[in-house]
Protein backbone atom coordinates (compact mmCIF):
# COMPACT_ATOMS: atom_id res chain seq x y z
CA MET A 1 100.45 99.23 120.54
CA ILE A 2 101.49 102.82 118.96
CA ILE A 3 101.25 103.44 114.78
CA ILE A 4 103.26 106.27 113.30
CA GLY A 5 101.46 107.22 110.21
CA GLY A 6 97.52 107.30 109.47
CA GLY A 7 97.93 106.28 105.75
CA PRO A 8 96.97 102.68 104.20
CA THR A 9 99.37 100.64 105.88
CA GLY A 10 99.14 102.40 109.33
CA LEU A 11 95.34 102.24 109.38
CA ALA A 12 95.39 98.58 108.00
CA THR A 13 97.92 97.80 110.88
CA ALA A 14 95.39 99.12 113.33
CA SER A 15 92.49 97.01 111.64
CA LEU A 16 94.21 93.59 112.17
CA LEU A 17 95.38 94.80 115.63
CA ALA A 18 91.73 95.40 116.72
CA ARG A 19 91.18 91.83 114.78
CA ALA A 20 93.21 90.10 117.26
CA GLY A 21 91.87 92.36 119.96
CA ILE A 22 94.96 94.36 120.33
CA ARG A 23 94.61 98.37 121.14
CA SER A 24 96.63 100.73 119.36
CA THR A 25 96.93 104.16 119.03
CA VAL A 26 97.33 105.95 115.58
CA LEU A 27 99.27 109.07 115.10
CA GLU A 28 98.90 110.70 111.98
CA ARG A 29 100.14 114.36 111.30
CA ARG A 30 97.28 114.88 108.60
CA ASN A 31 94.19 116.48 109.42
CA THR A 32 92.38 114.62 107.01
CA PRO A 33 91.23 110.75 106.69
CA SER A 34 93.19 110.32 103.27
CA CYS A 35 96.08 111.81 100.76
CA GLY A 36 93.46 112.67 98.44
CA GLN A 37 95.93 112.35 95.55
CA SER A 38 96.43 110.09 92.56
CA ARG A 39 98.42 107.58 94.06
CA ALA A 40 98.52 103.65 93.90
CA VAL A 41 95.42 102.24 91.97
CA THR A 42 95.95 98.59 91.28
CA VAL A 43 94.69 96.02 94.03
CA GLN A 44 96.05 92.83 93.46
CA GLY A 45 93.66 89.66 93.77
CA ASP A 46 95.21 88.15 97.25
CA ILE A 47 95.32 91.64 98.48
CA LEU A 48 91.74 92.26 98.03
CA SER A 49 91.48 88.94 99.95
CA LEU A 50 93.05 90.57 102.76
CA TYR A 51 91.06 93.20 102.33
CA ASP A 52 88.00 91.22 102.42
CA ARG A 53 89.15 89.79 105.98
CA MET A 54 89.17 93.49 107.34
CA GLY A 55 86.11 94.28 105.97
CA ILE A 56 86.38 96.63 103.65
CA ALA A 57 86.31 94.47 100.16
CA GLU A 58 82.53 95.12 99.44
CA GLU A 59 82.84 98.67 98.06
CA ILE A 60 86.23 97.68 96.45
CA ARG A 61 84.31 94.87 94.60
CA ALA A 62 81.29 96.86 93.54
CA ASN A 63 82.65 99.71 92.31
CA GLY A 64 86.24 99.00 91.36
CA ALA A 65 87.56 98.23 87.61
CA ARG A 66 87.96 94.61 87.29
CA TRP A 67 90.79 93.55 84.49
CA SER A 68 92.79 90.72 83.53
CA LEU A 69 94.05 92.23 80.05
CA GLY A 70 97.46 94.23 79.12
CA ARG A 71 98.29 95.67 75.75
CA THR A 72 101.44 97.39 75.22
CA TYR A 73 101.83 99.47 72.32
CA TYR A 74 104.84 100.85 70.32
CA GLY A 75 104.01 103.89 68.24
CA ASP A 76 100.43 102.48 66.47
CA ALA A 77 101.52 98.73 66.61
CA GLU A 78 100.36 96.57 69.36
CA VAL A 79 103.36 94.42 70.49
CA VAL A 80 102.25 92.76 73.68
CA THR A 81 99.26 91.28 74.71
CA LEU A 82 99.15 89.86 78.08
CA ARG A 83 96.20 87.88 79.99
CA TRP A 84 95.84 86.76 83.75
CA PRO A 85 92.87 84.51 83.88
CA ALA A 86 91.40 84.64 87.23
CA PRO A 87 92.07 81.29 88.87
CA GLU A 88 89.46 78.48 88.87
CA THR A 89 86.69 79.48 91.65
CA SER A 90 88.98 82.38 93.00
CA PRO A 91 86.52 84.34 94.94
CA ASN A 92 88.70 87.51 93.15
CA PRO A 93 89.51 88.71 90.29
CA PRO A 94 93.47 88.88 89.09
CA PHE A 95 93.44 92.50 89.77
CA VAL A 96 91.13 95.25 90.25
CA ASN A 97 91.29 99.23 90.19
CA PHE A 98 90.04 100.91 92.75
CA PRO A 99 92.32 104.35 93.99
CA GLN A 100 94.34 104.79 97.09
CA PHE A 101 92.61 107.69 98.61
CA ARG A 102 89.34 105.79 98.79
CA ILE A 103 91.15 102.64 100.48
CA GLU A 104 92.33 105.04 103.00
CA GLU A 105 88.79 106.66 103.54
CA LEU A 106 87.44 102.90 103.93
CA LEU A 107 90.05 101.95 106.49
CA HIS A 108 89.72 105.36 108.32
CA GLU A 109 85.76 104.11 108.60
CA HIS A 110 86.59 101.07 109.79
CA VAL A 111 88.98 101.70 112.27
CA SER A 112 87.00 104.63 113.40
CA ALA A 113 84.24 102.51 114.68
CA ALA A 114 86.65 99.99 116.50
CA PRO A 115 86.94 100.31 120.02
CA GLU A 116 90.38 99.30 120.14
CA VAL A 117 91.73 101.87 117.80
CA THR A 118 92.15 105.54 118.89
CA LEU A 119 92.98 108.12 116.07
CA VAL A 120 94.97 111.29 116.96
CA HIS A 121 95.24 113.65 113.54
CA GLY A 122 97.56 116.80 113.32
CA VAL A 123 100.21 115.58 115.56
CA THR A 124 103.87 115.31 114.75
CA ALA A 125 105.63 112.22 116.53
CA SER A 126 109.16 110.84 116.63
CA VAL A 127 110.42 107.90 118.71
CA VAL A 128 112.73 109.13 121.74
CA ASP A 129 113.58 105.33 122.94
CA PRO A 130 113.17 102.16 120.45
CA GLY A 131 113.41 100.09 123.66
CA GLU A 132 116.41 98.16 123.06
CA LYS A 133 117.03 97.68 126.79
CA GLY A 134 113.68 97.91 128.08
CA GLU A 135 110.32 96.43 127.88
CA THR A 136 108.72 99.64 126.24
CA ALA A 137 109.31 101.97 123.61
CA VAL A 138 108.42 105.78 123.97
CA VAL A 139 107.18 107.78 121.35
CA ARG A 140 106.76 111.83 121.66
CA TYR A 141 104.34 113.66 120.09
CA GLU A 142 103.10 117.48 119.57
CA ASP A 143 99.56 118.33 118.97
CA ALA A 144 98.38 121.37 117.07
CA ASP A 145 98.37 123.53 120.35
CA GLY A 146 102.38 123.07 120.49
CA GLU A 147 101.68 120.74 123.68
CA THR A 148 104.12 117.92 124.08
CA HIS A 149 102.61 114.30 125.20
CA GLU A 150 104.47 110.98 125.41
CA LEU A 151 103.14 107.59 125.42
CA SER A 152 104.84 104.15 125.74
CA ALA A 153 104.02 100.62 124.28
CA PRO A 154 104.92 97.05 124.01
CA TYR A 155 105.83 97.68 120.52
CA VAL A 156 105.58 100.49 117.81
CA ILE A 157 104.82 100.37 114.07
CA ALA A 158 106.20 102.81 111.72
CA ALA A 159 104.30 103.43 108.82
CA ASP A 160 105.50 107.01 108.25
CA GLY A 161 105.84 106.88 104.39
CA VAL A 162 109.06 107.31 102.23
CA ARG A 163 110.80 110.30 104.37
CA SER A 164 109.56 108.48 107.53
CA PRO A 165 111.13 110.67 110.25
CA THR A 166 110.68 107.20 112.39
CA ARG A 167 113.43 105.54 109.94
CA LYS A 168 115.63 108.90 109.97
CA GLY A 169 115.47 108.72 113.85
CA LEU A 170 116.67 105.62 114.54
CA GLY A 171 119.47 105.94 112.11
CA ILE A 172 118.25 103.38 109.43
CA GLU A 173 119.76 103.78 106.21
CA PHE A 174 117.38 103.89 103.20
CA ASN A 175 119.67 102.47 100.44
CA GLY A 176 118.81 103.10 96.73
CA GLU A 177 118.14 105.49 93.92
CA ARG A 178 115.93 108.24 92.37
CA THR A 179 114.93 106.72 89.06
CA ASN A 180 114.50 108.89 85.61
CA GLY A 181 110.82 108.80 85.74
CA HIS A 182 108.77 111.85 85.94
CA PHE A 183 105.36 111.41 85.33
CA LEU A 184 102.02 113.77 85.27
CA VAL A 185 98.94 111.98 86.31
CA CYS A 186 95.23 112.81 85.79
CA ASP A 187 92.27 110.79 87.18
CA PHE A 188 89.08 112.18 85.30
CA ARG A 189 85.29 111.52 84.65
CA GLY A 190 83.95 110.56 81.31
CA ALA A 191 81.98 107.94 79.30
CA VAL A 192 84.75 106.59 77.45
CA PRO A 193 83.88 103.45 75.62
CA PHE A 194 86.79 101.44 76.62
CA THR A 195 87.12 98.09 78.00
CA SER A 196 88.71 97.75 81.67
CA GLU A 197 92.21 96.89 80.37
CA ARG A 198 95.75 98.35 81.11
CA ARG A 199 96.97 100.29 78.16
CA LEU A 200 100.63 101.42 77.78
CA TRP A 201 102.05 103.11 75.19
CA PHE A 202 105.76 103.44 73.94
CA SER A 203 105.94 106.91 71.79
CA PRO A 204 102.45 106.82 70.21
CA PRO A 205 101.46 109.37 67.38
CA PHE A 206 99.84 111.61 69.84
CA TYR A 207 102.57 111.68 72.46
CA PRO A 208 105.78 110.70 70.50
CA GLU A 209 108.03 112.11 73.60
CA GLY A 210 107.48 109.46 75.86
CA ILE A 211 105.18 106.66 77.91
CA VAL A 212 101.44 106.92 78.23
CA LEU A 213 99.47 104.90 80.40
CA MET A 214 96.19 104.32 80.78
CA HIS A 215 93.50 102.49 83.40
CA HIS A 216 89.79 102.37 83.85
CA ILE A 217 89.51 102.88 87.51
CA GLY A 218 85.46 102.19 88.03
CA GLN A 219 82.40 104.17 87.45
CA ASP A 220 83.07 105.80 84.47
CA THR A 221 86.60 107.21 85.96
CA TRP A 222 89.85 106.84 84.09
CA ARG A 223 93.36 107.31 84.98
CA LEU A 224 96.13 108.71 82.68
CA ASP A 225 99.87 109.00 83.29
CA TRP A 226 102.04 110.92 81.08
CA GLN A 227 105.93 110.77 81.10
CA VAL A 228 106.93 114.49 81.44
CA SER A 229 110.06 116.71 81.78
CA PRO A 230 111.04 117.22 85.60
CA ASP A 231 110.10 120.89 85.34
CA LEU A 232 106.68 120.47 84.23
CA ASP A 233 103.78 122.32 86.49
CA PRO A 234 100.62 119.53 87.25
CA ASP A 235 98.94 122.64 88.48
CA GLU A 236 99.63 125.02 85.81
CA GLU A 237 98.67 122.04 83.21
CA ASN A 238 95.19 122.11 84.58
CA ARG A 239 94.69 125.54 85.15
CA SER A 240 95.77 126.32 81.86
CA GLY A 241 93.29 123.55 80.45
CA ARG A 242 96.28 121.57 78.78
CA ILE A 243 95.43 118.52 80.67
CA THR A 244 91.94 118.14 79.28
CA GLN A 245 93.78 118.64 75.56
CA ARG A 246 96.04 115.87 76.74
CA ILE A 247 93.23 113.55 77.34
CA ALA A 248 91.53 114.43 73.99
CA ASP A 249 94.55 113.36 71.99
CA VAL A 250 94.37 109.96 73.66
CA LEU A 251 90.87 109.62 73.34
CA ALA A 252 91.06 110.90 69.63
CA HIS A 253 93.73 108.45 68.40
CA ALA A 254 91.45 105.93 69.79
CA GLY A 255 88.68 106.98 67.45
CA VAL A 256 86.74 108.29 70.12
CA GLY A 257 84.66 111.60 69.45
CA PRO A 258 84.23 114.34 71.71
CA VAL A 259 83.97 113.49 75.27
CA GLU A 260 82.71 115.83 77.93
CA THR A 261 85.30 115.07 80.90
CA GLU A 262 85.54 116.52 84.55
CA ILE A 263 89.17 116.28 85.90
CA LEU A 264 89.14 114.92 89.54
CA ARG A 265 92.77 114.92 90.49
CA CYS A 266 95.85 115.86 88.76
CA ASN A 267 99.67 115.82 90.19
CA GLY A 268 102.63 114.56 89.46
CA TYR A 269 105.00 112.09 90.82
CA THR A 270 108.89 110.74 90.69
CA PHE A 271 109.87 107.51 91.91
CA GLN A 272 112.88 105.83 93.61
CA GLN A 273 114.10 102.44 94.24
CA ARG A 274 115.17 102.08 97.69
CA ARG A 275 115.27 99.62 100.97
CA ALA A 276 115.60 100.15 104.48
CA GLU A 277 118.98 98.32 105.31
CA SER A 278 116.76 96.89 108.65
CA PHE A 279 113.13 96.56 109.13
CA GLY A 280 113.43 98.24 112.55
CA LYS A 281 115.40 98.50 116.02
CA GLY A 282 114.43 97.47 119.27
CA ARG A 283 110.36 97.36 119.69
CA VAL A 284 110.29 99.63 116.90
CA PHE A 285 109.27 98.18 113.38
CA LEU A 286 109.03 99.87 109.80
CA VAL A 287 106.27 98.83 107.48
CA GLY A 288 105.14 99.62 104.23
CA ASP A 289 107.09 103.02 102.26
CA ALA A 290 108.86 103.62 105.35
CA ALA A 291 110.54 100.12 104.91
CA HIS A 292 110.64 100.11 100.79
CA VAL A 293 109.62 101.95 98.01
CA VAL A 294 109.45 101.07 94.14
CA SER A 295 108.29 102.45 91.06
CA PRO A 296 104.43 102.00 90.30
CA PHE A 297 104.92 99.93 87.24
CA GLY A 298 103.81 96.58 88.63
CA ALA A 299 101.55 97.68 91.15
CA ARG A 300 104.26 96.72 93.77
CA GLY A 301 104.01 99.41 96.10
CA MET A 302 101.21 99.50 98.52
CA ASN A 303 100.31 95.61 97.50
CA SER A 304 103.95 94.99 99.13
CA GLY A 305 103.24 97.27 102.10
CA MET A 306 100.06 95.43 103.23
CA GLU A 307 101.73 91.97 103.33
CA ASP A 308 104.36 93.88 105.49
CA VAL A 309 101.24 94.45 107.76
CA ALA A 310 99.87 91.26 107.50
CA ASN A 311 103.15 89.57 108.20
CA LEU A 312 103.64 91.53 110.93
CA VAL A 313 100.58 91.59 112.85
CA TRP A 314 99.98 87.94 113.65
CA LYS A 315 103.50 87.76 115.27
CA LEU A 316 103.24 90.72 117.51
CA ALA A 317 99.80 89.17 118.62
CA LEU A 318 101.27 85.81 119.64
CA THR A 319 104.74 87.66 121.40
CA LEU A 320 102.32 89.53 123.33
CA ARG A 321 100.16 86.24 124.46
CA GLY A 322 103.24 84.46 125.42
CA GLU A 323 103.12 81.80 123.00
CA ALA A 324 106.13 82.81 120.66
CA GLY A 325 109.51 81.99 120.52
CA GLU A 326 112.67 83.80 120.27
CA GLU A 327 112.79 84.20 116.27
CA LEU A 328 109.55 84.87 115.56
CA LEU A 329 109.58 88.74 115.95
CA ALA A 330 112.96 88.48 114.17
CA SER A 331 111.50 86.58 110.96
CA TYR A 332 109.38 89.29 110.23
CA GLU A 333 112.83 91.40 108.64
CA HIS A 334 113.69 87.88 107.04
CA GLU A 335 110.55 87.13 105.29
CA ARG A 336 109.62 91.10 104.34
CA ALA A 337 112.95 92.27 103.54
CA ALA A 338 113.65 89.55 101.26
CA ALA A 339 110.42 90.16 99.60
CA ALA A 340 111.61 94.12 99.40
CA THR A 341 114.90 93.03 97.76
CA HIS A 342 113.12 90.99 94.98
CA HIS A 343 110.47 94.16 94.38
CA VAL A 344 113.22 96.66 94.23
CA ALA A 345 115.18 94.30 91.91
CA ILE A 346 112.25 93.29 89.79
CA THR A 347 110.85 97.18 89.32
CA GLY A 348 114.51 98.37 88.66
CA GLU A 349 115.11 96.39 85.62
CA SER A 350 111.50 97.57 84.43
CA MET A 351 112.16 101.17 84.53
CA LYS A 352 115.98 100.84 83.36
CA PHE A 353 113.63 99.35 79.96
CA MET A 354 110.78 101.72 80.38
CA THR A 355 112.78 105.19 81.16
CA PRO A 356 116.25 104.37 80.20
CA GLY A 357 118.46 107.63 81.68
CA THR A 358 120.74 107.84 78.44
CA ALA A 359 120.08 108.33 74.59
CA GLU A 360 121.82 105.10 74.00
CA GLY A 361 119.41 103.15 76.53
CA LEU A 362 116.45 104.95 74.76
CA ALA A 363 117.98 103.54 71.14
CA VAL A 364 118.45 100.29 72.47
CA ARG A 365 114.76 100.04 74.22
CA ASN A 366 113.00 101.28 70.86
CA GLU A 367 115.11 98.36 68.85
CA ILE A 368 113.68 95.80 70.94
CA LEU A 369 110.22 97.43 70.72
CA ALA A 370 110.79 97.57 66.95
CA ALA A 371 111.81 94.30 66.82
CA ALA A 372 108.70 92.99 68.83
CA ALA A 373 106.32 94.84 66.67
CA ALA A 374 107.99 93.17 63.74
CA ASP A 375 108.37 89.52 65.35
CA SER A 376 106.30 88.09 67.93
CA GLY A 377 109.41 85.77 68.82
CA GLN A 378 110.92 88.94 70.21
CA VAL A 379 107.78 89.95 72.48
CA ALA A 380 109.72 88.63 75.81
CA ARG A 381 112.39 91.20 75.41
CA VAL A 382 110.17 93.55 76.26
CA ASP A 383 109.62 94.84 80.31
CA SER A 384 106.35 97.00 80.44
CA GLY A 385 106.24 96.22 83.86
CA LYS A 386 105.94 92.71 85.85
CA LEU A 387 102.76 92.75 87.72
CA TYR A 388 102.81 91.96 91.61
CA GLU A 389 102.50 88.53 93.04
CA PRO A 390 102.58 87.36 96.75
CA PHE A 391 106.16 86.65 97.87
CA PRO A 392 106.94 83.17 98.94
CA TYR A 393 108.73 82.48 102.25
CA ARG A 394 110.36 79.06 101.20
CA ASP A 395 113.42 79.75 102.67
CA SER A 396 112.02 81.27 105.96
CA PRO A 397 113.31 80.17 109.14
CA LEU A 398 109.30 79.24 110.23
CA THR A 399 108.86 77.22 106.96
CA SER A 400 109.23 73.49 107.37
CA PRO A 401 110.97 72.06 104.15
CA ALA A 402 108.23 69.81 101.70
CA ASP A 403 108.05 66.46 102.85
CA ASP A 404 108.60 65.33 99.00
CA ASP A 405 108.39 67.03 95.60
CA GLY A 406 105.25 66.76 94.61
CA SER A 407 102.48 69.00 92.92
CA GLY A 408 100.38 71.76 94.46
CA PRO A 409 101.10 74.26 97.03
CA ARG A 410 104.55 74.05 98.60
CA PRO A 411 105.66 75.28 101.91
CA GLY A 412 105.96 78.95 102.17
CA ASP A 413 103.47 79.41 99.60
CA LEU A 414 100.16 81.36 99.78
CA MET A 415 97.29 79.01 100.53
CA PRO A 416 95.22 79.25 97.77
CA ASP A 417 92.21 80.83 97.97
CA VAL A 418 88.94 78.91 96.71
CA LEU A 419 85.34 79.54 97.45
CA VAL A 420 84.05 76.60 99.63
CA SER A 421 80.69 75.69 101.33
CA SER A 422 80.70 76.20 104.89
CA GLY A 423 77.18 75.76 106.91
CA GLY A 424 75.45 76.26 103.57
CA GLU A 425 77.01 79.63 102.71
CA ARG A 426 79.59 79.83 100.12
CA ARG A 427 82.73 81.79 101.55
CA ALA A 428 86.26 82.14 100.34
CA LEU A 429 88.73 79.57 102.12
CA ARG A 430 91.42 81.90 103.54
CA HIS A 431 88.21 83.77 105.33
CA LEU A 432 87.90 80.56 107.46
CA LEU A 433 91.75 80.37 107.70
CA ASP A 434 92.69 83.78 108.80
CA GLY A 435 93.97 84.73 112.30
CA ASP A 436 95.33 81.45 113.68
CA PHE A 437 97.08 78.19 112.63
CA THR A 438 95.06 75.94 111.16
CA LEU A 439 95.19 72.47 109.26
CA VAL A 440 93.64 71.61 105.89
CA HIS A 441 93.30 68.45 104.63
CA VAL A 442 93.28 67.89 100.73
CA PRO A 443 91.62 64.43 100.71
CA ALA A 444 92.52 62.01 97.84
CA ALA A 445 89.31 60.95 96.82
CA ALA A 446 87.66 63.47 93.91
CA GLY A 447 84.71 64.84 95.13
CA ALA A 448 85.46 64.50 98.62
CA ALA A 449 84.83 67.02 101.66
CA LEU A 450 88.10 69.41 102.06
CA ARG A 451 88.38 69.60 105.85
CA TYR A 452 90.16 71.94 108.20
CA THR A 453 90.51 72.51 112.21
CA THR A 454 93.16 73.85 114.39
CA PRO A 455 96.46 72.34 115.28
CA ALA A 456 94.95 71.48 118.73
CA HIS A 457 93.43 68.77 117.26
CA PRO A 458 96.20 67.03 114.56
CA ASP A 459 94.34 63.74 114.35
CA THR A 460 93.14 63.12 110.84
CA ASP A 461 90.37 61.01 111.90
CA ARG A 462 89.19 63.60 113.74
CA LEU A 463 89.12 66.55 111.36
CA PRO A 464 85.40 68.02 111.14
CA ALA A 465 84.19 68.35 107.83
CA THR A 466 83.05 71.69 108.32
CA SER A 467 83.53 73.13 104.52
CA LEU A 468 83.22 71.45 101.57
CA VAL A 469 84.84 71.74 97.98
CA HIS A 470 83.50 69.74 95.16
CA GLU A 471 85.93 68.32 92.53
CA GLU A 472 84.38 70.76 89.66
CA ASP A 473 85.00 73.34 92.29
CA SER A 474 88.00 73.14 93.58
CA GLY A 475 90.45 74.26 90.59
CA PRO A 476 93.37 72.71 89.28
CA VAL A 477 95.64 73.99 92.20
CA LEU A 478 93.95 71.98 95.06
CA ARG A 479 93.24 69.17 92.40
CA ALA A 480 97.03 68.83 92.60
CA ALA A 481 97.08 68.72 96.04
CA ARG A 482 94.96 65.56 96.53
CA ASP A 483 96.05 63.46 99.94
CA ARG A 484 97.95 66.53 101.65
CA VAL A 485 97.59 67.94 104.75
CA TYR A 486 98.83 71.65 105.11
CA LEU A 487 99.54 73.67 108.19
CA VAL A 488 98.54 77.22 107.58
CA ARG A 489 99.74 80.19 109.46
CA PRO A 490 97.61 83.35 110.73
CA ASP A 491 98.54 85.06 107.53
CA CYS A 492 97.34 82.21 105.25
CA TYR A 493 100.75 81.49 104.19
CA ILE A 494 101.64 77.67 104.24
CA ALA A 495 104.31 76.38 107.01
CA ALA A 496 104.58 72.93 106.41
CA ALA A 497 102.97 70.29 104.02
CA PHE A 498 102.70 66.69 104.35
CA THR A 499 101.28 63.59 102.77
CA ALA A 500 97.95 62.57 104.42
CA SER A 501 98.14 58.91 104.00
CA ASP A 502 101.58 58.85 105.86
CA ASP A 503 101.91 59.34 109.66
CA TRP A 504 102.27 63.17 109.98
CA ARG A 505 100.97 63.86 113.29
CA THR A 506 104.67 64.26 114.81
CA GLY A 507 105.76 66.46 112.05
CA VAL A 508 102.82 68.73 112.53
CA ARG A 509 103.89 69.22 115.89
CA ALA A 510 107.49 70.28 114.92
CA ALA A 511 106.61 72.02 112.04
CA LEU A 512 104.17 74.26 114.55
CA ASP A 513 107.21 75.11 116.92
CA ARG A 514 109.25 76.14 113.97
CA ALA A 515 106.21 78.49 113.12
CA LEU A 516 106.04 79.84 116.45
CA GLY A 517 110.04 80.74 116.49
CA HIS A 518 110.81 77.88 118.81
CA PRO A 519 113.63 75.80 118.96
CA VAL A 520 112.83 72.13 116.84
CA THR A 521 114.38 69.32 118.56
CA ASP A 522 113.92 65.64 118.23
CA THR A 523 111.61 65.78 120.98
CA PRO A 524 108.14 67.67 120.34
CA ARG A 525 108.17 70.71 122.76
CA VAL A 526 104.30 70.26 123.27
CA GLU A 527 102.81 66.70 124.45
CA ALA A 528 100.47 65.05 121.99
CA ALA A 529 97.92 65.09 124.60
CA SER A 530 97.85 68.90 124.64
CA LEU A 531 97.82 69.47 121.19
């Protein structure tokens, strides 16, 4: 495989391909392992689960700032308080703040040690043949000495960012708009006596001209974002010392005395709301910001890009192994383009509220905020950014219809991640399921073993009790799923669900065919004896 772009999604692609035993070459224009800037910061719990399966979650859990509380203010008044309680027995918090540049460095260290991955830095790459008519795509790149090289591969993954030369070279439109928001962002170190929670101020007394957002990002490290005019120079703001005064103003308003601070990073950003008209061409696929970009309020950027990668890699692996049907790779665009459309719509509505482009829009927003400050019944009208959740694939061609309308996880949903006991060791369920199709049986009896196996043995009597979840540990999601059998995809999404007490074996065979992109007929494609 060839991966164009060595940012977080490109490196994550290389990591998951290596886990599947597939070699890749990563072509990156930078000579550094990370962007080194203040960019994405909030890791949603399900994406942390994915990082765990990649082998980079330990430092994120240890050094990141876990949070589950968000406060929104209008002036001095707190108008919205949101809590995201951790799912019972989940191995991960709802959110943890940890800077993107360090995630890139962890991924870079991880893939540098993988024999399946070749990293090439300081090069500019372009697709010269997307492989629409052949069995390979061709990429050309120029190294630092000006020498030109060509590589070919069965597939190319373009993770080359919002400006994506690959997307432009393929003639794929990037539809959408640039928003009105211009922000100054600063990461600083200081002994600030705040709890780890998200604070968002609309027109506070210390900064009446705009929005201010504050996050704890771990180990006495904090991030502040200020809405600013388009002509503000972040470098001059830092050189002049005005950024230090901005920080002091925020802390003084909270009643915090003088705090010695160290500026770590300071830069500006604007944002766009765009989605590629298609997610690839021929044997080239777009992932991450190359395929979609949204405002940062809601943490839907890098988190969604990681789900692009998780969705695509298992489909590429099964296709290369000759196990996939014709529709499997096509389902990448079906599933992830729908997710991108959803995220663009959600963040677009948030930004219309948060950074309206007209005086009339600003007046309406402030009226809503004032009403919410006076009457808690008006709080639902305030949009302070809807935070990321994994997008369900319920209408995917790979997802089998549910066999009933019962409670519990549904086909197309991400399988709940709970802690289980496996061989005397407590582990995350998704860690056990990742990378292959599996069957998970949630028994009807309280306290009975939660069992799983591969579809090679779709017989409930032969499902080995290799993991155990006691009733008091399983949480409400799996308690609602009693007497169910789930067919789970390699990316831990549910492909099908059945009532365990029924004869569900034939249904599993058909559902597996569908999830592999094969045509589904009344006669199973695979004989029962070989399953």
